[in-house]
Amino acid sequence: MDPSKLPLILELLQDDPDDPVLLLNAGKILLQTQQAEEALIHLRRLAEKHPTNMAVYRELGAAFLARGETRSARQAFEMGRQVSLAARDPSAASEYESLIGQCV
């Protein structure tokens, strides 16, 4: 994701603060640019407003890992696995199982 898009994404979020695509992209870019704390703000909001969004839990877990919060990362990945199973997406559930295994 292109970090130069962040200012535009943040501006668009002012008009639509619950937009799942904008929240996810903001979180991804902030995480990519080593701004895990800021990323968590957007990713937590996304998880709160759109709890069935499978992608958010991968990024949320990665943000927690970037901060050294293994327990919180594992919880995020476990939630992603549950959402994936509920959505009947075994491929995503398997990916989350792999991510959970990295949280030791």
PDB file of N, CA and C in Angstrom:
ATOM      1  N   MET A   1       0.848  -1.174   0.000  1.00  0.00           N
ATOM      2  CA  MET A   1       0.000   0.000   0.000  1.00  0.00           C
ATOM      3  C   MET A   1       0.899   1.244   0.000  1.00  0.00           C
ATOM      4  N   ASP A   2       0.526   2.204  -0.759  1.00  0.00           N
ATOM      5  CA  ASP A   2       1.323   3.412  -0.952  1.00  0.00           C
ATOM      6  C   ASP A   2       1.147   4.387   0.221  1.00  0.00           C
ATOM      7  N   PRO A   3       2.203   4.602   1.016  1.00  0.00           N
ATOM      8  CA  PRO A   3       2.103   5.505   2.170  1.00  0.00           C
ATOM      9  C   PRO A   3       1.720   6.939   1.802  1.00  0.00           C
ATOM     10  N   SER A   4       1.973   7.345   0.571  1.00  0.00           N
ATOM     11  CA  SER A   4       1.610   8.716   0.176  1.00  0.00           C
ATOM     12  C   SER A   4       0.096   8.914   0.135  1.00  0.00           C
ATOM     13  N   LYS A   5      -0.667   7.826   0.158  1.00  0.00           N
ATOM     14  CA  LYS A   5      -2.139   7.905   0.149  1.00  0.00           C
ATOM     15  C   LYS A   5      -2.718   8.197   1.537  1.00  0.00           C
ATOM     16  N   LEU A   6      -1.893   8.084   2.574  1.00  0.00           N
ATOM     17  CA  LEU A   6      -2.396   8.237   3.939  1.00  0.00           C
ATOM     18  C   LEU A   6      -3.093   9.567   4.190  1.00  0.00           C
ATOM     19  N   PRO A   7      -2.522  10.714   3.788  1.00  0.00           N
ATOM     20  CA  PRO A   7      -3.232  11.973   4.053  1.00  0.00           C
ATOM     21  C   PRO A   7      -4.636  12.009   3.447  1.00  0.00           C
ATOM     22  N   LEU A   8      -4.784  11.498   2.244  1.00  0.00           N
ATOM     23  CA  LEU A   8      -6.102  11.475   1.606  1.00  0.00           C
ATOM     24  C   LEU A   8      -7.047  10.540   2.359  1.00  0.00           C
ATOM     25  N   ILE A   9      -6.549   9.378   2.747  1.00  0.00           N
ATOM     26  CA  ILE A   9      -7.381   8.426   3.489  1.00  0.00           C
ATOM     27  C   ILE A   9      -7.844   9.037   4.807  1.00  0.00           C
ATOM     28  N   LEU A  10      -6.934   9.691   5.509  1.00  0.00           N
ATOM     29  CA  LEU A  10      -7.303  10.315   6.787  1.00  0.00           C
ATOM     30  C   LEU A  10      -8.310  11.449   6.576  1.00  0.00           C
ATOM     31  N   GLU A  11      -8.172  12.178   5.493  1.00  0.00           N
ATOM     32  CA  GLU A  11      -9.128  13.246   5.174  1.00  0.00           C
ATOM     33  C   GLU A  11     -10.514  12.654   4.883  1.00  0.00           C
ATOM     34  N   LEU A  12     -10.543  11.578   4.113  1.00  0.00           N
ATOM     35  CA  LEU A  12     -11.814  10.926   3.803  1.00  0.00           C
ATOM     36  C   LEU A  12     -12.459  10.328   5.047  1.00  0.00           C
ATOM     37  N   LEU A  13     -11.639   9.864   5.982  1.00  0.00           N
ATOM     38  CA  LEU A  13     -12.171   9.322   7.234  1.00  0.00           C
ATOM     39  C   LEU A  13     -12.871  10.383   8.073  1.00  0.00           C
ATOM     40  N   GLN A  14     -12.499  11.636   7.885  1.00  0.00           N
ATOM     41  CA  GLN A  14     -13.181  12.706   8.621  1.00  0.00           C
ATOM     42  C   GLN A  14     -14.649  12.800   8.191  1.00  0.00           C
ATOM     43  N   ASP A  15     -14.907  12.530   6.915  1.00  0.00           N
ATOM     44  CA  ASP A  15     -16.281  12.571   6.414  1.00  0.00           C
ATOM     45  C   ASP A  15     -17.040  11.283   6.698  1.00  0.00           C
ATOM     46  N   ASP A  16     -16.329  10.174   6.745  1.00  0.00           N
ATOM     47  CA  ASP A  16     -16.966   8.870   6.959  1.00  0.00           C
ATOM     48  C   ASP A  16     -16.086   8.036   7.893  1.00  0.00           C
ATOM     49  N   PRO A  17     -16.128   8.330   9.194  1.00  0.00           N
ATOM     50  CA  PRO A  17     -15.198   7.702  10.147  1.00  0.00           C
ATOM     51  C   PRO A  17     -15.385   6.212  10.362  1.00  0.00           C
ATOM     52  N   ASP A  18     -16.467   5.634   9.838  1.00  0.00           N
ATOM     53  CA  ASP A  18     -16.708   4.209  10.028  1.00  0.00           C
ATOM     54  C   ASP A  18     -16.533   3.393   8.751  1.00  0.00           C
ATOM     55  N   ASP A  19     -16.021   4.031   7.705  1.00  0.00           N
ATOM     56  CA  ASP A  19     -15.851   3.328   6.433  1.00  0.00           C
ATOM     57  C   ASP A  19     -14.834   2.199   6.603  1.00  0.00           C
ATOM     58  N   PRO A  20     -15.238   0.935   6.376  1.00  0.00           N
ATOM     59  CA  PRO A  20     -14.329  -0.181   6.643  1.00  0.00           C
ATOM     60  C   PRO A  20     -13.096  -0.207   5.742  1.00  0.00           C
ATOM     61  N   VAL A  21     -13.238   0.186   4.493  1.00  0.00           N
ATOM     62  CA  VAL A  21     -12.094   0.173   3.581  1.00  0.00           C
ATOM     63  C   VAL A  21     -11.086   1.240   3.984  1.00  0.00           C
ATOM     64  N   LEU A  22     -11.571   2.415   4.314  1.00  0.00           N
ATOM     65  CA  LEU A  22     -10.666   3.492   4.726  1.00  0.00           C
ATOM     66  C   LEU A  22      -9.968   3.153   6.041  1.00  0.00           C
ATOM     67  N   LEU A  23     -10.716   2.610   6.992  1.00  0.00           N
ATOM     68  CA  LEU A  23     -10.117   2.248   8.279  1.00  0.00           C
ATOM     69  C   LEU A  23      -9.037   1.181   8.105  1.00  0.00           C
ATOM     70  N   LEU A  24      -9.335   0.174   7.295  1.00  0.00           N
ATOM     71  CA  LEU A  24      -8.363  -0.895   7.071  1.00  0.00           C
ATOM     72  C   LEU A  24      -7.121  -0.362   6.364  1.00  0.00           C
ATOM     73  N   ASN A  25      -7.324   0.449   5.327  1.00  0.00           N
ATOM     74  CA  ASN A  25      -6.177   0.981   4.592  1.00  0.00           C
ATOM     75  C   ASN A  25      -5.337   1.929   5.444  1.00  0.00           C
ATOM     76  N   ALA A  26      -5.989   2.737   6.275  1.00  0.00           N
ATOM     77  CA  ALA A  26      -5.243   3.614   7.182  1.00  0.00           C
ATOM     78  C   ALA A  26      -4.400   2.769   8.133  1.00  0.00           C
ATOM     79  N   GLY A  27      -5.015   1.738   8.695  1.00  0.00           N
ATOM     80  CA  GLY A  27      -4.285   0.857   9.609  1.00  0.00           C
ATOM     81  C   GLY A  27      -3.108   0.170   8.939  1.00  0.00           C
ATOM     82  N   LYS A  28      -3.314  -0.310   7.723  1.00  0.00           N
ATOM     83  CA  LYS A  28      -2.238  -0.988   6.994  1.00  0.00           C
ATOM     84  C   LYS A  28      -1.067  -0.045   6.720  1.00  0.00           C
ATOM     85  N   ILE A  29      -1.370   1.152   6.245  1.00  0.00           N
ATOM     86  CA  ILE A  29      -0.298   2.101   5.922  1.00  0.00           C
ATOM     87  C   ILE A  29       0.446   2.513   7.186  1.00  0.00           C
ATOM     88  N   LEU A  30      -0.287   2.800   8.240  1.00  0.00           N
ATOM     89  CA  LEU A  30       0.362   3.203   9.487  1.00  0.00           C
ATOM     90  C   LEU A  30       1.233   2.079  10.035  1.00  0.00           C
ATOM     91  N   LEU A  31       0.765   0.858   9.922  1.00  0.00           N
ATOM     92  CA  LEU A  31       1.571  -0.279  10.366  1.00  0.00           C
ATOM     93  C   LEU A  31       2.808  -0.428   9.491  1.00  0.00           C
ATOM     94  N   GLN A  32       2.628  -0.265   8.209  1.00  0.00           N
ATOM     95  CA  GLN A  32       3.736  -0.367   7.248  1.00  0.00           C
ATOM     96  C   GLN A  32       4.812   0.687   7.526  1.00  0.00           C
ATOM     97  N   THR A  33       4.402   1.838   8.035  1.00  0.00           N
ATOM     98  CA  THR A  33       5.340   2.931   8.304  1.00  0.00           C
ATOM     99  C   THR A  33       5.741   2.976   9.788  1.00  0.00           C
ATOM    100  N   GLN A  34       5.650   1.828  10.457  1.00  0.00           N
ATOM    101  CA  GLN A  34       6.058   1.665  11.851  1.00  0.00           C
ATOM    102  C   GLN A  34       5.333   2.617  12.813  1.00  0.00           C
ATOM    103  N   GLN A  35       4.062   2.820  12.579  1.00  0.00           N
ATOM    104  CA  GLN A  35       3.245   3.638  13.469  1.00  0.00           C
ATOM    105  C   GLN A  35       2.131   2.768  14.059  1.00  0.00           C
ATOM    106  N   ALA A  36       2.549   1.739  14.781  1.00  0.00           N
ATOM    107  CA  ALA A  36       1.611   0.740  15.298  1.00  0.00           C
ATOM    108  C   ALA A  36       0.560   1.346  16.225  1.00  0.00           C
ATOM    109  N   GLU A  37       0.963   2.297  17.040  1.00  0.00           N
ATOM    110  CA  GLU A  37       0.014   2.913  17.974  1.00  0.00           C
ATOM    111  C   GLU A  37      -1.122   3.598  17.221  1.00  0.00           C
ATOM    112  N   GLU A  38      -0.777   4.362  16.196  1.00  0.00           N
ATOM    113  CA  GLU A  38      -1.791   5.035  15.382  1.00  0.00           C
ATOM    114  C   GLU A  38      -2.614   4.005  14.609  1.00  0.00           C
ATOM    115  N   ALA A  39      -1.961   2.983  14.105  1.00  0.00           N
ATOM    116  CA  ALA A  39      -2.671   1.934  13.367  1.00  0.00           C
ATOM    117  C   ALA A  39      -3.738   1.293  14.246  1.00  0.00           C
ATOM    118  N   LEU A  40      -3.395   1.057  15.505  1.00  0.00           N
ATOM    119  CA  LEU A  40      -4.342   0.423  16.421  1.00  0.00           C
ATOM    120  C   LEU A  40      -5.619   1.237  16.585  1.00  0.00           C
ATOM    121  N   ILE A  41      -5.523   2.537  16.541  1.00  0.00           N
ATOM    122  CA  ILE A  41      -6.713   3.388  16.677  1.00  0.00           C
ATOM    123  C   ILE A  41      -7.723   3.052  15.580  1.00  0.00           C
ATOM    124  N   HIS A  42      -7.247   3.002  14.350  1.00  0.00           N
ATOM    125  CA  HIS A  42      -8.133   2.743  13.213  1.00  0.00           C
ATOM    126  C   HIS A  42      -8.580   1.284  13.165  1.00  0.00           C
ATOM    127  N   LEU A  43      -7.672   0.380  13.479  1.00  0.00           N
ATOM    128  CA  LEU A  43      -8.014  -1.040  13.418  1.00  0.00           C
ATOM    129  C   LEU A  43      -8.973  -1.441  14.532  1.00  0.00           C
ATOM    130  N   ARG A  44      -8.814  -0.871  15.707  1.00  0.00           N
ATOM    131  CA  ARG A  44      -9.764  -1.154  16.793  1.00  0.00           C
ATOM    132  C   ARG A  44     -11.152  -0.638  16.435  1.00  0.00           C
ATOM    133  N   ARG A  45     -11.199   0.543  15.841  1.00  0.00           N
ATOM    134  CA  ARG A  45     -12.489   1.110  15.426  1.00  0.00           C
ATOM    135  C   ARG A  45     -13.144   0.202  14.385  1.00  0.00           C
ATOM    136  N   LEU A  46     -12.349  -0.276  13.444  1.00  0.00           N
ATOM    137  CA  LEU A  46     -12.876  -1.170  12.423  1.00  0.00           C
ATOM    138  C   LEU A  46     -13.426  -2.446  13.048  1.00  0.00           C
ATOM    139  N   ALA A  47     -12.679  -3.040  13.960  1.00  0.00           N
ATOM    140  CA  ALA A  47     -13.138  -4.265  14.621  1.00  0.00           C
ATOM    141  C   ALA A  47     -14.409  -4.015  15.431  1.00  0.00           C
ATOM    142  N   GLU A  48     -14.503  -2.849  16.024  1.00  0.00           N
ATOM    143  CA  GLU A  48     -15.690  -2.499  16.821  1.00  0.00           C
ATOM    144  C   GLU A  48     -16.909  -2.281  15.926  1.00  0.00           C
ATOM    145  N   LYS A  49     -16.729  -1.549  14.844  1.00  0.00           N
ATOM    146  CA  LYS A  49     -17.852  -1.190  13.972  1.00  0.00           C
ATOM    147  C   LYS A  49     -18.218  -2.286  12.973  1.00  0.00           C
ATOM    148  N   HIS A  50     -17.238  -3.096  12.602  1.00  0.00           N
ATOM    149  CA  HIS A  50     -17.451  -4.137  11.588  1.00  0.00           C
ATOM    150  C   HIS A  50     -16.802  -5.445  12.063  1.00  0.00           C
ATOM    151  N   PRO A  51     -17.350  -6.048  13.117  1.00  0.00           N
ATOM    152  CA  PRO A  51     -16.700  -7.213  13.734  1.00  0.00           C
ATOM    153  C   PRO A  51     -16.630  -8.456  12.851  1.00  0.00           C
ATOM    154  N   THR A  52     -17.364  -8.491  11.760  1.00  0.00           N
ATOM    155  CA  THR A  52     -17.298  -9.660  10.882  1.00  0.00           C
ATOM    156  C   THR A  52     -16.307  -9.472   9.730  1.00  0.00           C
ATOM    157  N   ASN A  53     -15.574  -8.361   9.746  1.00  0.00           N
ATOM    158  CA  ASN A  53     -14.552  -8.114   8.728  1.00  0.00           C
ATOM    159  C   ASN A  53     -13.343  -8.989   9.058  1.00  0.00           C
ATOM    160  N   MET A  54     -13.125 -10.014   8.250  1.00  0.00           N
ATOM    161  CA  MET A  54     -12.055 -10.973   8.545  1.00  0.00           C
ATOM    162  C   MET A  54     -10.662 -10.347   8.483  1.00  0.00           C
ATOM    163  N   ALA A  55     -10.457  -9.422   7.577  1.00  0.00           N
ATOM    164  CA  ALA A  55      -9.117  -8.855   7.356  1.00  0.00           C
ATOM    165  C   ALA A  55      -8.619  -8.028   8.531  1.00  0.00           C
ATOM    166  N   VAL A  56      -9.514  -7.422   9.272  1.00  0.00           N
ATOM    167  CA  VAL A  56      -9.080  -6.529  10.345  1.00  0.00           C
ATOM    168  C   VAL A  56      -8.265  -7.265  11.398  1.00  0.00           C
ATOM    169  N   TYR A  57      -8.603  -8.507  11.669  1.00  0.00           N
ATOM    170  CA  TYR A  57      -7.941  -9.210  12.759  1.00  0.00           C
ATOM    171  C   TYR A  57      -6.494  -9.569  12.429  1.00  0.00           C
ATOM    172  N   ARG A  58      -6.213  -9.752  11.151  1.00  0.00           N
ATOM    173  CA  ARG A  58      -4.830 -10.005  10.722  1.00  0.00           C
ATOM    174  C   ARG A  58      -3.984  -8.762  10.981  1.00  0.00           C
ATOM    175  N   GLU A  59      -4.508  -7.615  10.585  1.00  0.00           N
ATOM    176  CA  GLU A  59      -3.767  -6.363  10.760  1.00  0.00           C
ATOM    177  C   GLU A  59      -3.704  -5.958  12.231  1.00  0.00           C
ATOM    178  N   LEU A  60      -4.788  -6.177  12.950  1.00  0.00           N
ATOM    179  CA  LEU A  60      -4.816  -5.857  14.373  1.00  0.00           C
ATOM    180  C   LEU A  60      -3.776  -6.692  15.115  1.00  0.00           C
ATOM    181  N   GLY A  61      -3.720  -7.980  14.805  1.00  0.00           N
ATOM    182  CA  GLY A  61      -2.712  -8.847  15.424  1.00  0.00           C
ATOM    183  C   GLY A  61      -1.305  -8.398  15.077  1.00  0.00           C
ATOM    184  N   ALA A  62      -1.086  -8.013  13.827  1.00  0.00           N
ATOM    185  CA  ALA A  62       0.243  -7.549  13.406  1.00  0.00           C
ATOM    186  C   ALA A  62       0.627  -6.274  14.149  1.00  0.00           C
ATOM    187  N   ALA A  63      -0.334  -5.394  14.368  1.00  0.00           N
ATOM    188  CA  ALA A  63      -0.046  -4.154  15.106  1.00  0.00           C
ATOM    189  C   ALA A  63       0.332  -4.470  16.554  1.00  0.00           C
ATOM    190  N   PHE A  64      -0.370  -5.401  17.157  1.00  0.00           N
ATOM    191  CA  PHE A  64      -0.021  -5.793  18.524  1.00  0.00           C
ATOM    192  C   PHE A  64       1.363  -6.432  18.569  1.00  0.00           C
ATOM    193  N   LEU A  65       1.657  -7.274  17.595  1.00  0.00           N
ATOM    194  CA  LEU A  65       2.997  -7.887  17.549  1.00  0.00           C
ATOM    195  C   LEU A  65       4.081  -6.825  17.396  1.00  0.00           C
ATOM    196  N   ALA A  66       3.817  -5.805  16.596  1.00  0.00           N
ATOM    197  CA  ALA A  66       4.794  -4.731  16.399  1.00  0.00           C
ATOM    198  C   ALA A  66       5.083  -4.006  17.706  1.00  0.00           C
ATOM    199  N   ARG A  67       4.125  -4.032  18.613  1.00  0.00           N
ATOM    200  CA  ARG A  67       4.305  -3.405  19.927  1.00  0.00           C
ATOM    201  C   ARG A  67       4.796  -4.396  20.976  1.00  0.00           C
ATOM    202  N   GLY A  68       5.012  -5.639  20.570  1.00  0.00           N
ATOM    203  CA  GLY A  68       5.479  -6.649  21.513  1.00  0.00           C
ATOM    204  C   GLY A  68       4.381  -7.220  22.384  1.00  0.00           C
ATOM    205  N   GLU A  69       3.136  -7.023  22.006  1.00  0.00           N
ATOM    206  CA  GLU A  69       1.987  -7.488  22.793  1.00  0.00           C
ATOM    207  C   GLU A  69       1.477  -8.820  22.229  1.00  0.00           C
ATOM    208  N   THR A  70       2.208  -9.873  22.533  1.00  0.00           N
ATOM    209  CA  THR A  70       1.921 -11.190  21.978  1.00  0.00           C
ATOM    210  C   THR A  70       0.551 -11.707  22.395  1.00  0.00           C
ATOM    211  N   ARG A  71       0.192 -11.511  23.633  1.00  0.00           N
ATOM    212  CA  ARG A  71      -1.104 -12.005  24.121  1.00  0.00           C
ATOM    213  C   ARG A  71      -2.264 -11.349  23.372  1.00  0.00           C
ATOM    214  N   SER A  72      -2.191 -10.035  23.193  1.00  0.00           N
ATOM    215  CA  SER A  72      -3.240  -9.323  22.459  1.00  0.00           C
ATOM    216  C   SER A  72      -3.257  -9.728  20.992  1.00  0.00           C
ATOM    217  N   ALA A  73      -2.082  -9.957  20.421  1.00  0.00           N
ATOM    218  CA  ALA A  73      -2.002 -10.404  19.027  1.00  0.00           C
ATOM    219  C   ALA A  73      -2.691 -11.757  18.881  1.00  0.00           C
ATOM    220  N   ARG A  74      -2.403 -12.643  19.800  1.00  0.00           N
ATOM    221  CA  ARG A  74      -3.020 -13.975  19.756  1.00  0.00           C
ATOM    222  C   ARG A  74      -4.542 -13.862  19.851  1.00  0.00           C
ATOM    223  N   GLN A  75      -5.030 -13.008  20.716  1.00  0.00           N
ATOM    224  CA  GLN A  75      -6.476 -12.823  20.857  1.00  0.00           C
ATOM    225  C   GLN A  75      -7.085 -12.303  19.556  1.00  0.00           C
ATOM    226  N   ALA A  76      -6.401 -11.369  18.906  1.00  0.00           N
ATOM    227  CA  ALA A  76      -6.897 -10.841  17.633  1.00  0.00           C
ATOM    228  C   ALA A  76      -6.924 -11.938  16.574  1.00  0.00           C
ATOM    229  N   PHE A  77      -5.866 -12.729  16.503  1.00  0.00           N
ATOM    230  CA  PHE A  77      -5.814 -13.811  15.523  1.00  0.00           C
ATOM    231  C   PHE A  77      -6.881 -14.874  15.817  1.00  0.00           C
ATOM    232  N   GLU A  78      -7.111 -15.154  17.099  1.00  0.00           N
ATOM    233  CA  GLU A  78      -8.145 -16.122  17.456  1.00  0.00           C
ATOM    234  C   GLU A  78      -9.530 -15.608  17.057  1.00  0.00           C
ATOM    235  N   MET A  79      -9.747 -14.319  17.226  1.00  0.00           N
ATOM    236  CA  MET A  79     -11.025 -13.732  16.805  1.00  0.00           C
ATOM    237  C   MET A  79     -11.172 -13.839  15.289  1.00  0.00           C
ATOM    238  N   GLY A  80     -10.095 -13.578  14.563  1.00  0.00           N
ATOM    239  CA  GLY A  80     -10.127 -13.720  13.118  1.00  0.00           C
ATOM    240  C   GLY A  80     -10.458 -15.144  12.694  1.00  0.00           C
ATOM    241  N   ARG A  81      -9.912 -16.101  13.418  1.00  0.00           N
ATOM    242  CA  ARG A  81     -10.209 -17.508  13.130  1.00  0.00           C
ATOM    243  C   ARG A  81     -11.683 -17.798  13.361  1.00  0.00           C
ATOM    244  N   GLN A  82     -12.238 -17.295  14.457  1.00  0.00           N
ATOM    245  CA  GLN A  82     -13.655 -17.514  14.751  1.00  0.00           C
ATOM    246  C   GLN A  82     -14.548 -16.887  13.681  1.00  0.00           C
ATOM    247  N   VAL A  83     -14.215 -15.672  13.277  1.00  0.00           N
ATOM    248  CA  VAL A  83     -14.998 -14.990  12.245  1.00  0.00           C
ATOM    249  C   VAL A  83     -14.900 -15.762  10.928  1.00  0.00           C
ATOM    250  N   SER A  84     -13.716 -16.259  10.617  1.00  0.00           N
ATOM    251  CA  SER A  84     -13.515 -17.033   9.387  1.00  0.00           C
ATOM    252  C   SER A  84     -14.346 -18.311   9.397  1.00  0.00           C
ATOM    253  N   LEU A  85     -14.352 -18.989  10.528  1.00  0.00           N
ATOM    254  CA  LEU A  85     -15.144 -20.216  10.636  1.00  0.00           C
ATOM    255  C   LEU A  85     -16.634 -19.912  10.515  1.00  0.00           C
ATOM    256  N   ALA A  86     -17.077 -18.826  11.140  1.00  0.00           N
ATOM    257  CA  ALA A  86     -18.487 -18.440  11.051  1.00  0.00           C
ATOM    258  C   ALA A  86     -18.878 -18.090   9.615  1.00  0.00           C
ATOM    259  N   ALA A  87     -17.922 -17.545   8.868  1.00  0.00           N
ATOM    260  CA  ALA A  87     -18.166 -17.192   7.467  1.00  0.00           C
ATOM    261  C   ALA A  87     -17.946 -18.392   6.540  1.00  0.00           C
ATOM    262  N   ARG A  88     -17.626 -19.532   7.130  1.00  0.00           N
ATOM    263  CA  ARG A  88     -17.370 -20.766   6.370  1.00  0.00           C
ATOM    264  C   ARG A  88     -16.246 -20.580   5.351  1.00  0.00           C
ATOM    265  N   ASP A  89     -15.165 -19.997   5.855  1.00  0.00           N
ATOM    266  CA  ASP A  89     -13.982 -19.768   5.021  1.00  0.00           C
ATOM    267  C   ASP A  89     -12.813 -20.539   5.630  1.00  0.00           C
ATOM    268  N   PRO A  90     -12.678 -21.821   5.286  1.00  0.00           N
ATOM    269  CA  PRO A  90     -11.633 -22.634   5.904  1.00  0.00           C
ATOM    270  C   PRO A  90     -10.223 -22.170   5.550  1.00  0.00           C
ATOM    271  N   SER A  91     -10.054 -21.572   4.395  1.00  0.00           N
ATOM    272  CA  SER A  91      -8.732 -21.085   4.001  1.00  0.00           C
ATOM    273  C   SER A  91      -8.281 -19.957   4.931  1.00  0.00           C
ATOM    274  N   ALA A  92      -9.175 -19.004   5.190  1.00  0.00           N
ATOM    275  CA  ALA A  92      -8.842 -17.906   6.104  1.00  0.00           C
ATOM    276  C   ALA A  92      -8.633 -18.440   7.519  1.00  0.00           C
ATOM    277  N   ALA A  93      -9.464 -19.379   7.930  1.00  0.00           N
ATOM    278  CA  ALA A  93      -9.318 -19.966   9.267  1.00  0.00           C
ATOM    279  C   ALA A  93      -7.958 -20.642   9.407  1.00  0.00           C
ATOM    280  N   SER A  94      -7.525 -21.318   8.369  1.00  0.00           N
ATOM    281  CA  SER A  94      -6.217 -21.976   8.381  1.00  0.00           C
ATOM    282  C   SER A  94      -5.091 -20.942   8.475  1.00  0.00           C
ATOM    283  N   GLU A  95      -5.240 -19.841   7.763  1.00  0.00           N
ATOM    284  CA  GLU A  95      -4.234 -18.772   7.838  1.00  0.00           C
ATOM    285  C   GLU A  95      -4.154 -18.227   9.259  1.00  0.00           C
ATOM    286  N   TYR A  96      -5.309 -18.024   9.891  1.00  0.00           N
ATOM    287  CA  TYR A  96      -5.314 -17.537  11.267  1.00  0.00           C
ATOM    288  C   TYR A  96      -4.690 -18.539  12.228  1.00  0.00           C
ATOM    289  N   GLU A  97      -4.910 -19.828  11.985  1.00  0.00           N
ATOM    290  CA  GLU A  97      -4.296 -20.853  12.834  1.00  0.00           C
ATOM    291  C   GLU A  97      -2.783 -20.758  12.762  1.00  0.00           C
ATOM    292  N   SER A  98      -2.273 -20.506  11.566  1.00  0.00           N
ATOM    293  CA  SER A  98      -0.836 -20.336  11.387  1.00  0.00           C
ATOM    294  C   SER A  98      -0.333 -19.106  12.142  1.00  0.00           C
ATOM    295  N   LEU A  99      -1.082 -18.019  12.077  1.00  0.00           N
ATOM    296  CA  LEU A  99      -0.700 -16.797  12.789  1.00  0.00           C
ATOM    297  C   LEU A  99      -0.735 -17.000  14.309  1.00  0.00           C
ATOM    298  N   ILE A 100      -1.744 -17.730  14.764  1.00  0.00           N
ATOM    299  CA  ILE A 100      -1.845 -18.037  16.202  1.00  0.00           C
ATOM    300  C   ILE A 100      -0.610 -18.803  16.639  1.00  0.00           C
ATOM    301  N   GLY A 101      -0.144 -19.729  15.806  1.00  0.00           N
ATOM    302  CA  GLY A 101       1.034 -20.522  16.122  1.00  0.00           C
ATOM    303  C   GLY A 101       2.299 -19.705  16.242  1.00  0.00           C
ATOM    304  N   GLN A 102       2.322 -18.531  15.654  1.00  0.00           N
ATOM    305  CA  GLN A 102       3.499 -17.659  15.724  1.00  0.00           C
ATOM    306  C   GLN A 102       3.534 -16.851  17.023  1.00  0.00           C
ATOM    307  N   CYS A 103       2.451 -16.904  17.775  1.00  0.00           N
ATOM    308  CA  CYS A 103       2.352 -16.110  19.017  1.00  0.00           C
ATOM    309  C   CYS A 103       2.738 -16.957  20.219  1.00  0.00           C
ATOM    310  N   VAL A 104       4.002 -17.273  20.314  1.00  0.00           N
ATOM    311  CA  VAL A 104       4.468 -18.073  21.461  1.00  0.00           C
ATOM    312  C   VAL A 104       5.411 -17.288  22.332  1.00  0.00           C
TER     313      VAL A 104
END
